[in-house]
Amino acid sequence: MVSSPRIAQTLQQFDAEIKFCADHSLQLERASDYGWLVRAGADAHVLGCIDQLDDAVELMRLDGGFTWTTFPSLHDALKDLVYS
């Protein structure tokens, strides 16, 4: 489940994140109390890491190097991984 002690989310938001991940073959693997590894594909390769800050999330995209970007929500970070 997508959850965090730092950012409150409603059940509808949880459902939306779970559906989005399923629709795009993403897996979120808890890496710490405030972060996840994002995996995709049949081989479950790591696309990036997401850390929750107090009022935003930070995405480290692994794309032959790494790029740090801050987003207002987990959903925005996941969308960036899928659509960029």
PDB file of N, CA and C in Angstrom:
ATOM      1  N   MET A   1       0.840  -1.186   0.000  1.00  0.00           N
ATOM      2  CA  MET A   1       0.000   0.000   0.000  1.00  0.00           C
ATOM      3  C   MET A   1       0.880   1.243   0.000  1.00  0.00           C
ATOM      4  N   VAL A   2       0.421   2.256  -0.619  1.00  0.00           N
ATOM      5  CA  VAL A   2       1.109   3.534  -0.667  1.00  0.00           C
ATOM      6  C   VAL A   2       0.697   4.317   0.567  1.00  0.00           C
ATOM      7  N   SER A   3       1.613   4.534   1.474  1.00  0.00           N
ATOM      8  CA  SER A   3       1.259   5.285   2.679  1.00  0.00           C
ATOM      9  C   SER A   3       2.478   6.012   3.209  1.00  0.00           C
ATOM     10  N   SER A   4       2.221   6.989   4.029  1.00  0.00           N
ATOM     11  CA  SER A   4       3.300   7.746   4.640  1.00  0.00           C
ATOM     12  C   SER A   4       2.819   8.390   5.920  1.00  0.00           C
ATOM     13  N   PRO A   5       3.642   8.364   6.959  1.00  0.00           N
ATOM     14  CA  PRO A   5       3.277   9.093   8.167  1.00  0.00           C
ATOM     15  C   PRO A   5       3.395  10.605   7.989  1.00  0.00           C
ATOM     16  N   ARG A   6       4.038  11.065   6.930  1.00  0.00           N
ATOM     17  CA  ARG A   6       4.254  12.501   6.734  1.00  0.00           C
ATOM     18  C   ARG A   6       3.153  13.184   5.948  1.00  0.00           C
ATOM     19  N   ILE A   7       2.602  12.494   4.965  1.00  0.00           N
ATOM     20  CA  ILE A   7       1.605  13.114   4.102  1.00  0.00           C
ATOM     21  C   ILE A   7       0.305  12.330   4.221  1.00  0.00           C
ATOM     22  N   ALA A   8      -0.724  12.976   4.747  1.00  0.00           N
ATOM     23  CA  ALA A   8      -2.021  12.330   4.898  1.00  0.00           C
ATOM     24  C   ALA A   8      -2.668  12.155   3.528  1.00  0.00           C
ATOM     25  N   GLN A   9      -3.247  10.980   3.293  1.00  0.00           N
ATOM     26  CA  GLN A   9      -3.946  10.729   2.044  1.00  0.00           C
ATOM     27  C   GLN A   9      -5.276  10.069   2.356  1.00  0.00           C
ATOM     28  N   THR A  10      -6.258  10.335   1.531  1.00  0.00           N
ATOM     29  CA  THR A  10      -7.568   9.729   1.699  1.00  0.00           C
ATOM     30  C   THR A  10      -7.580   8.347   1.057  1.00  0.00           C
ATOM     31  N   LEU A  11      -8.608   7.576   1.364  1.00  0.00           N
ATOM     32  CA  LEU A  11      -8.745   6.266   0.729  1.00  0.00           C
ATOM     33  C   LEU A  11      -8.865   6.396  -0.780  1.00  0.00           C
ATOM     34  N   GLN A  12      -9.516   7.449  -1.259  1.00  0.00           N
ATOM     35  CA  GLN A  12      -9.636   7.662  -2.697  1.00  0.00           C
ATOM     36  C   GLN A  12      -8.268   7.897  -3.330  1.00  0.00           C
ATOM     37  N   GLN A  13      -7.396   8.634  -2.630  1.00  0.00           N
ATOM     38  CA  GLN A  13      -6.050   8.865  -3.152  1.00  0.00           C
ATOM     39  C   GLN A  13      -5.264   7.559  -3.184  1.00  0.00           C
ATOM     40  N   PHE A  14      -5.382   6.730  -2.138  1.00  0.00           N
ATOM     41  CA  PHE A  14      -4.717   5.430  -2.137  1.00  0.00           C
ATOM     42  C   PHE A  14      -5.202   4.588  -3.311  1.00  0.00           C
ATOM     43  N   ASP A  15      -6.516   4.553  -3.501  1.00  0.00           N
ATOM     44  CA  ASP A  15      -7.079   3.778  -4.607  1.00  0.00           C
ATOM     45  C   ASP A  15      -6.561   4.277  -5.950  1.00  0.00           C
ATOM     46  N   ALA A  16      -6.473   5.584  -6.107  1.00  0.00           N
ATOM     47  CA  ALA A  16      -5.980   6.168  -7.358  1.00  0.00           C
ATOM     48  C   ALA A  16      -4.525   5.781  -7.599  1.00  0.00           C
ATOM     49  N   GLU A  17      -3.676   5.812  -6.562  1.00  0.00           N
ATOM     50  CA  GLU A  17      -2.259   5.440  -6.720  1.00  0.00           C
ATOM     51  C   GLU A  17      -2.119   3.964  -7.058  1.00  0.00           C
ATOM     52  N   ILE A  18      -2.881   3.130  -6.387  1.00  0.00           N
ATOM     53  CA  ILE A  18      -2.814   1.691  -6.633  1.00  0.00           C
ATOM     54  C   ILE A  18      -3.251   1.393  -8.065  1.00  0.00           C
ATOM     55  N   LYS A  19      -4.332   2.013  -8.509  1.00  0.00           N
ATOM     56  CA  LYS A  19      -4.816   1.808  -9.878  1.00  0.00           C
ATOM     57  C   LYS A  19      -3.800   2.322 -10.896  1.00  0.00           C
ATOM     58  N   PHE A  20      -3.248   3.504 -10.657  1.00  0.00           N
ATOM     59  CA  PHE A  20      -2.258   4.070 -11.576  1.00  0.00           C
ATOM     60  C   PHE A  20      -1.065   3.126 -11.713  1.00  0.00           C
ATOM     61  N   CYS A  21      -0.559   2.629 -10.592  1.00  0.00           N
ATOM     62  CA  CYS A  21       0.593   1.717 -10.634  1.00  0.00           C
ATOM     63  C   CYS A  21       0.237   0.436 -11.383  1.00  0.00           C
ATOM     64  N   ALA A  22      -0.941  -0.119 -11.115  1.00  0.00           N
ATOM     65  CA  ALA A  22      -1.356  -1.340 -11.806  1.00  0.00           C
ATOM     66  C   ALA A  22      -1.523  -1.092 -13.302  1.00  0.00           C
ATOM     67  N   ASP A  23      -2.135   0.031 -13.669  1.00  0.00           N
ATOM     68  CA  ASP A  23      -2.361   0.351 -15.088  1.00  0.00           C
ATOM     69  C   ASP A  23      -1.056   0.525 -15.860  1.00  0.00           C
ATOM     70  N   HIS A  24       0.010   0.923 -15.171  1.00  0.00           N
ATOM     71  CA  HIS A  24       1.291   1.191 -15.834  1.00  0.00           C
ATOM     72  C   HIS A  24       2.387   0.201 -15.448  1.00  0.00           C
ATOM     73  N   SER A  25       1.983  -0.929 -14.882  1.00  0.00           N
ATOM     74  CA  SER A  25       2.912  -2.012 -14.507  1.00  0.00           C
ATOM     75  C   SER A  25       4.051  -1.528 -13.618  1.00  0.00           C
ATOM     76  N   LEU A  26       3.727  -0.641 -12.690  1.00  0.00           N
ATOM     77  CA  LEU A  26       4.707  -0.163 -11.727  1.00  0.00           C
ATOM     78  C   LEU A  26       4.551  -0.912 -10.413  1.00  0.00           C
ATOM     79  N   GLN A  27       5.655  -1.084  -9.726  1.00  0.00           N
ATOM     80  CA  GLN A  27       5.647  -1.663  -8.389  1.00  0.00           C
ATOM     81  C   GLN A  27       6.333  -0.679  -7.453  1.00  0.00           C
ATOM     82  N   LEU A  28       5.707  -0.409  -6.313  1.00  0.00           N
ATOM     83  CA  LEU A  28       6.345   0.419  -5.296  1.00  0.00           C
ATOM     84  C   LEU A  28       6.843  -0.489  -4.192  1.00  0.00           C
ATOM     85  N   GLU A  29       8.123  -0.426  -3.930  1.00  0.00           N
ATOM     86  CA  GLU A  29       8.738  -1.249  -2.889  1.00  0.00           C
ATOM     87  C   GLU A  29       9.231  -0.326  -1.787  1.00  0.00           C
ATOM     88  N   ARG A  30       8.718  -0.500  -0.596  1.00  0.00           N
ATOM     89  CA  ARG A  30       9.115   0.341   0.538  1.00  0.00           C
ATOM     90  C   ARG A  30      10.610   0.190   0.761  1.00  0.00           C
ATOM     91  N   ALA A  31      11.322   1.305   0.755  1.00  0.00           N
ATOM     92  CA  ALA A  31      12.768   1.300   0.965  1.00  0.00           C
ATOM     93  C   ALA A  31      13.147   1.875   2.329  1.00  0.00           C
ATOM     94  N   SER A  32      12.261   2.714   2.882  1.00  0.00           N
ATOM     95  CA  SER A  32      12.494   3.311   4.194  1.00  0.00           C
ATOM     96  C   SER A  32      11.147   3.791   4.722  1.00  0.00           C
ATOM     97  N   ASP A  33      11.147   4.396   5.888  1.00  0.00           N
ATOM     98  CA  ASP A  33       9.895   4.937   6.428  1.00  0.00           C
ATOM     99  C   ASP A  33       9.293   5.994   5.518  1.00  0.00           C
ATOM    100  N   TYR A  34      10.118   6.661   4.724  1.00  0.00           N
ATOM    101  CA  TYR A  34       9.653   7.775   3.900  1.00  0.00           C
ATOM    102  C   TYR A  34      10.010   7.626   2.438  1.00  0.00           C
ATOM    103  N   GLY A  35      10.296   6.415   1.980  1.00  0.00           N
ATOM    104  CA  GLY A  35      10.708   6.290   0.591  1.00  0.00           C
ATOM    105  C   GLY A  35      10.413   4.947  -0.033  1.00  0.00           C
ATOM    106  N   TRP A  36      10.406   4.948  -1.372  1.00  0.00           N
ATOM    107  CA  TRP A  36      10.131   3.756  -2.153  1.00  0.00           C
ATOM    108  C   TRP A  36      11.101   3.631  -3.315  1.00  0.00           C
ATOM    109  N   LEU A  37      11.312   2.386  -3.734  1.00  0.00           N
ATOM    110  CA  LEU A  37      11.904   2.101  -5.038  1.00  0.00           C
ATOM    111  C   LEU A  37      10.737   1.919  -5.981  1.00  0.00           C
ATOM    112  N   VAL A  38      10.850   2.442  -7.185  1.00  0.00           N
ATOM    113  CA  VAL A  38       9.809   2.257  -8.191  1.00  0.00           C
ATOM    114  C   VAL A  38      10.374   1.314  -9.237  1.00  0.00           C
ATOM    115  N   ARG A  39       9.698   0.186  -9.421  1.00  0.00           N
ATOM    116  CA  ARG A  39      10.135  -0.837 -10.369  1.00  0.00           C
ATOM    117  C   ARG A  39       9.109  -0.973 -11.479  1.00  0.00           C
ATOM    118  N   ALA A  40       9.566  -1.477 -12.639  1.00  0.00           N
ATOM    119  CA  ALA A  40       8.659  -1.677 -13.765  1.00  0.00           C
ATOM    120  C   ALA A  40       9.130  -2.827 -14.629  1.00  0.00           C
ATOM    121  N   GLY A  41       8.217  -3.334 -15.407  1.00  0.00           N
ATOM    122  CA  GLY A  41       8.547  -4.356 -16.386  1.00  0.00           C
ATOM    123  C   GLY A  41       8.588  -5.750 -15.796  1.00  0.00           C
ATOM    124  N   ALA A  42       8.686  -6.721 -16.696  1.00  0.00           N
ATOM    125  CA  ALA A  42       8.706  -8.121 -16.301  1.00  0.00           C
ATOM    126  C   ALA A  42       9.907  -8.441 -15.421  1.00  0.00           C
ATOM    127  N   ASP A  43      11.019  -7.744 -15.651  1.00  0.00           N
ATOM    128  CA  ASP A  43      12.222  -7.995 -14.848  1.00  0.00           C
ATOM    129  C   ASP A  43      12.280  -7.102 -13.616  1.00  0.00           C
ATOM    130  N   ALA A  44      11.270  -6.262 -13.413  1.00  0.00           N
ATOM    131  CA  ALA A  44      11.152  -5.385 -12.240  1.00  0.00           C
ATOM    132  C   ALA A  44      12.395  -4.519 -12.036  1.00  0.00           C
ATOM    133  N   HIS A  45      12.904  -3.948 -13.143  1.00  0.00           N
ATOM    134  CA  HIS A  45      14.081  -3.086 -13.021  1.00  0.00           C
ATOM    135  C   HIS A  45      13.685  -1.773 -12.326  1.00  0.00           C
ATOM    136  N   VAL A  46      14.627  -1.179 -11.632  1.00  0.00           N
ATOM    137  CA  VAL A  46      14.369   0.044 -10.868  1.00  0.00           C
ATOM    138  C   VAL A  46      14.387   1.246 -11.799  1.00  0.00           C
ATOM    139  N   LEU A  47      13.265   1.993 -11.807  1.00  0.00           N
ATOM    140  CA  LEU A  47      13.167   3.233 -12.581  1.00  0.00           C
ATOM    141  C   LEU A  47      13.660   4.426 -11.787  1.00  0.00           C
ATOM    142  N   GLY A  48      13.440   4.368 -10.476  1.00  0.00           N
ATOM    143  CA  GLY A  48      13.816   5.497  -9.646  1.00  0.00           C
ATOM    144  C   GLY A  48      13.507   5.254  -8.186  1.00  0.00           C
ATOM    145  N   CYS A  49      13.800   6.260  -7.395  1.00  0.00           N
ATOM    146  CA  CYS A  49      13.550   6.236  -5.956  1.00  0.00           C
ATOM    147  C   CYS A  49      12.759   7.492  -5.604  1.00  0.00           C
ATOM    148  N   ILE A  50      11.763   7.333  -4.740  1.00  0.00           N
ATOM    149  CA  ILE A  50      10.955   8.455  -4.304  1.00  0.00           C
ATOM    150  C   ILE A  50      11.075   8.591  -2.800  1.00  0.00           C
ATOM    151  N   ASP A  51      11.395   9.796  -2.351  1.00  0.00           N
ATOM    152  CA  ASP A  51      11.470  10.101  -0.918  1.00  0.00           C
ATOM    153  C   ASP A  51      10.452  11.171  -0.598  1.00  0.00           C
ATOM    154  N   GLN A  52       9.735  10.982   0.507  1.00  0.00           N
ATOM    155  CA  GLN A  52       8.781  11.999   0.922  1.00  0.00           C
ATOM    156  C   GLN A  52       9.463  13.000   1.841  1.00  0.00           C
ATOM    157  N   LEU A  53       9.287  14.260   1.506  1.00  0.00           N
ATOM    158  CA  LEU A  53       9.753  15.362   2.333  1.00  0.00           C
ATOM    159  C   LEU A  53       8.560  15.833   3.151  1.00  0.00           C
ATOM    160  N   ASP A  54       8.697  16.886   3.905  1.00  0.00           N
ATOM    161  CA  ASP A  54       7.583  17.358   4.722  1.00  0.00           C
ATOM    162  C   ASP A  54       6.382  17.789   3.903  1.00  0.00           C
ATOM    163  N   ASP A  55       6.596  18.445   2.764  1.00  0.00           N
ATOM    164  CA  ASP A  55       5.473  18.969   1.991  1.00  0.00           C
ATOM    165  C   ASP A  55       5.566  18.664   0.500  1.00  0.00           C
ATOM    166  N   ALA A  56       6.414  17.710   0.120  1.00  0.00           N
ATOM    167  CA  ALA A  56       6.607  17.361  -1.284  1.00  0.00           C
ATOM    168  C   ALA A  56       7.252  15.982  -1.359  1.00  0.00           C
ATOM    169  N   VAL A  57       7.458  15.506  -2.565  1.00  0.00           N
ATOM    170  CA  VAL A  57       8.214  14.276  -2.773  1.00  0.00           C
ATOM    171  C   VAL A  57       9.370  14.567  -3.719  1.00  0.00           C
ATOM    172  N   GLU A  58      10.440  13.833  -3.539  1.00  0.00           N
ATOM    173  CA  GLU A  58      11.631  14.009  -4.365  1.00  0.00           C
ATOM    174  C   GLU A  58      11.840  12.709  -5.133  1.00  0.00           C
ATOM    175  N   LEU A  59      11.987  12.825  -6.440  1.00  0.00           N
ATOM    176  CA  LEU A  59      12.201  11.680  -7.311  1.00  0.00           C
ATOM    177  C   LEU A  59      13.634  11.681  -7.801  1.00  0.00           C
ATOM    178  N   MET A  60      14.318  10.560  -7.605  1.00  0.00           N
ATOM    179  CA  MET A  60      15.620  10.358  -8.214  1.00  0.00           C
ATOM    180  C   MET A  60      15.396   9.357  -9.342  1.00  0.00           C
ATOM    181  N   ARG A  61      15.416   9.864 -10.561  1.00  0.00           N
ATOM    182  CA  ARG A  61      15.201   9.038 -11.746  1.00  0.00           C
ATOM    183  C   ARG A  61      16.529   8.387 -12.124  1.00  0.00           C
ATOM    184  N   LEU A  62      16.496   7.073 -12.343  1.00  0.00           N
ATOM    185  CA  LEU A  62      17.674   6.325 -12.774  1.00  0.00           C
ATOM    186  C   LEU A  62      17.536   6.060 -14.269  1.00  0.00           C
ATOM    187  N   ASP A  63      18.237   6.850 -15.065  1.00  0.00           N
ATOM    188  CA  ASP A  63      18.106   6.747 -16.519  1.00  0.00           C
ATOM    189  C   ASP A  63      19.466   6.831 -17.199  1.00  0.00           C
ATOM    190  N   GLY A  64      20.356   5.968 -16.784  1.00  0.00           N
ATOM    191  CA  GLY A  64      21.707   6.002 -17.309  1.00  0.00           C
ATOM    192  C   GLY A  64      22.597   6.920 -16.499  1.00  0.00           C
ATOM    193  N   GLY A  65      22.041   7.597 -15.574  1.00  0.00           N
ATOM    194  CA  GLY A  65      22.653   8.498 -14.620  1.00  0.00           C
ATOM    195  C   GLY A  65      21.596   8.683 -13.562  1.00  0.00           C
ATOM    196  N   PHE A  66      21.527   9.842 -12.991  1.00  0.00           N
ATOM    197  CA  PHE A  66      20.393  10.097 -12.131  1.00  0.00           C
ATOM    198  C   PHE A  66      20.065  11.574 -12.127  1.00  0.00           C
ATOM    199  N   THR A  67      18.768  11.829 -12.023  1.00  0.00           N
ATOM    200  CA  THR A  67      18.245  13.187 -12.048  1.00  0.00           C
ATOM    201  C   THR A  67      17.323  13.366 -10.866  1.00  0.00           C
ATOM    202  N   TRP A  68      17.520  14.424 -10.078  1.00  0.00           N
ATOM    203  CA  TRP A  68      16.663  14.729  -8.933  1.00  0.00           C
ATOM    204  C   TRP A  68      15.624  15.769  -9.339  1.00  0.00           C
ATOM    205  N   THR A  69      14.368  15.507  -8.988  1.00  0.00           N
ATOM    206  CA  THR A  69      13.285  16.449  -9.243  1.00  0.00           C
ATOM    207  C   THR A  69      12.331  16.402  -8.058  1.00  0.00           C
ATOM    208  N   THR A  70      11.768  17.555  -7.699  1.00  0.00           N
ATOM    209  CA  THR A  70      10.802  17.629  -6.602  1.00  0.00           C
ATOM    210  C   THR A  70       9.405  17.844  -7.179  1.00  0.00           C
ATOM    211  N   PHE A  71       8.426  17.149  -6.599  1.00  0.00           N
ATOM    212  CA  PHE A  71       7.039  17.218  -7.035  1.00  0.00           C
ATOM    213  C   PHE A  71       6.135  17.476  -5.834  1.00  0.00           C
ATOM    214  N   PRO A  72       4.959  18.034  -6.068  1.00  0.00           N
ATOM    215  CA  PRO A  72       4.045  18.305  -4.961  1.00  0.00           C
ATOM    216  C   PRO A  72       3.386  17.053  -4.390  1.00  0.00           C
ATOM    217  N   SER A  73       3.376  15.945  -5.163  1.00  0.00           N
ATOM    218  CA  SER A  73       2.699  14.737  -4.674  1.00  0.00           C
ATOM    219  C   SER A  73       3.362  13.484  -5.242  1.00  0.00           C
ATOM    220  N   LEU A  74       3.064  12.365  -4.608  1.00  0.00           N
ATOM    221  CA  LEU A  74       3.542  11.077  -5.084  1.00  0.00           C
ATOM    222  C   LEU A  74       2.996  10.795  -6.482  1.00  0.00           C
ATOM    223  N   HIS A  75       1.744  11.109  -6.702  1.00  0.00           N
ATOM    224  CA  HIS A  75       1.133  10.863  -8.008  1.00  0.00           C
ATOM    225  C   HIS A  75       1.859  11.645  -9.110  1.00  0.00           C
ATOM    226  N   ASP A  76       2.218  12.885  -8.834  1.00  0.00           N
ATOM    227  CA  ASP A  76       2.949  13.682  -9.828  1.00  0.00           C
ATOM    228  C   ASP A  76       4.298  13.059 -10.152  1.00  0.00           C
ATOM    229  N   ALA A  77       4.980  12.529  -9.161  1.00  0.00           N
ATOM    230  CA  ALA A  77       6.278  11.880  -9.392  1.00  0.00           C
ATOM    231  C   ALA A  77       6.097  10.612 -10.215  1.00  0.00           C
ATOM    232  N   LEU A  78       5.066   9.820  -9.905  1.00  0.00           N
ATOM    233  CA  LEU A  78       4.810   8.602 -10.673  1.00  0.00           C
ATOM    234  C   LEU A  78       4.450   8.929 -12.122  1.00  0.00           C
ATOM    235  N   LYS A  79       3.626   9.949 -12.323  1.00  0.00           N
ATOM    236  CA  LYS A  79       3.279  10.360 -13.682  1.00  0.00           C
ATOM    237  C   LYS A  79       4.526  10.774 -14.457  1.00  0.00           C
ATOM    238  N   ASP A  80       5.455  11.475 -13.803  1.00  0.00           N
ATOM    239  CA  ASP A  80       6.677  11.890 -14.481  1.00  0.00           C
ATOM    240  C   ASP A  80       7.491  10.673 -14.932  1.00  0.00           C
ATOM    241  N   LEU A  81       7.544   9.639 -14.103  1.00  0.00           N
ATOM    242  CA  LEU A  81       8.272   8.421 -14.487  1.00  0.00           C
ATOM    243  C   LEU A  81       7.630   7.746 -15.700  1.00  0.00           C
ATOM    244  N   VAL A  82       6.329   7.752 -15.758  1.00  0.00           N
ATOM    245  CA  VAL A  82       5.621   7.066 -16.837  1.00  0.00           C
ATOM    246  C   VAL A  82       5.620   7.865 -18.128  1.00  0.00           C
ATOM    247  N   TYR A  83       5.389   9.162 -18.044  1.00  0.00           N
ATOM    248  CA  TYR A  83       5.140   9.974 -19.239  1.00  0.00           C
ATOM    249  C   TYR A  83       6.346  10.750 -19.747  1.00  0.00           C
ATOM    250  N   SER A  84       7.457  10.704 -19.050  1.00  0.00           N
ATOM    251  CA  SER A  84       8.640  11.459 -19.509  1.00  0.00           C
ATOM    252  C   SER A  84       9.603  10.574 -20.267  1.00  0.00           C
TER     253      SER A  84
END
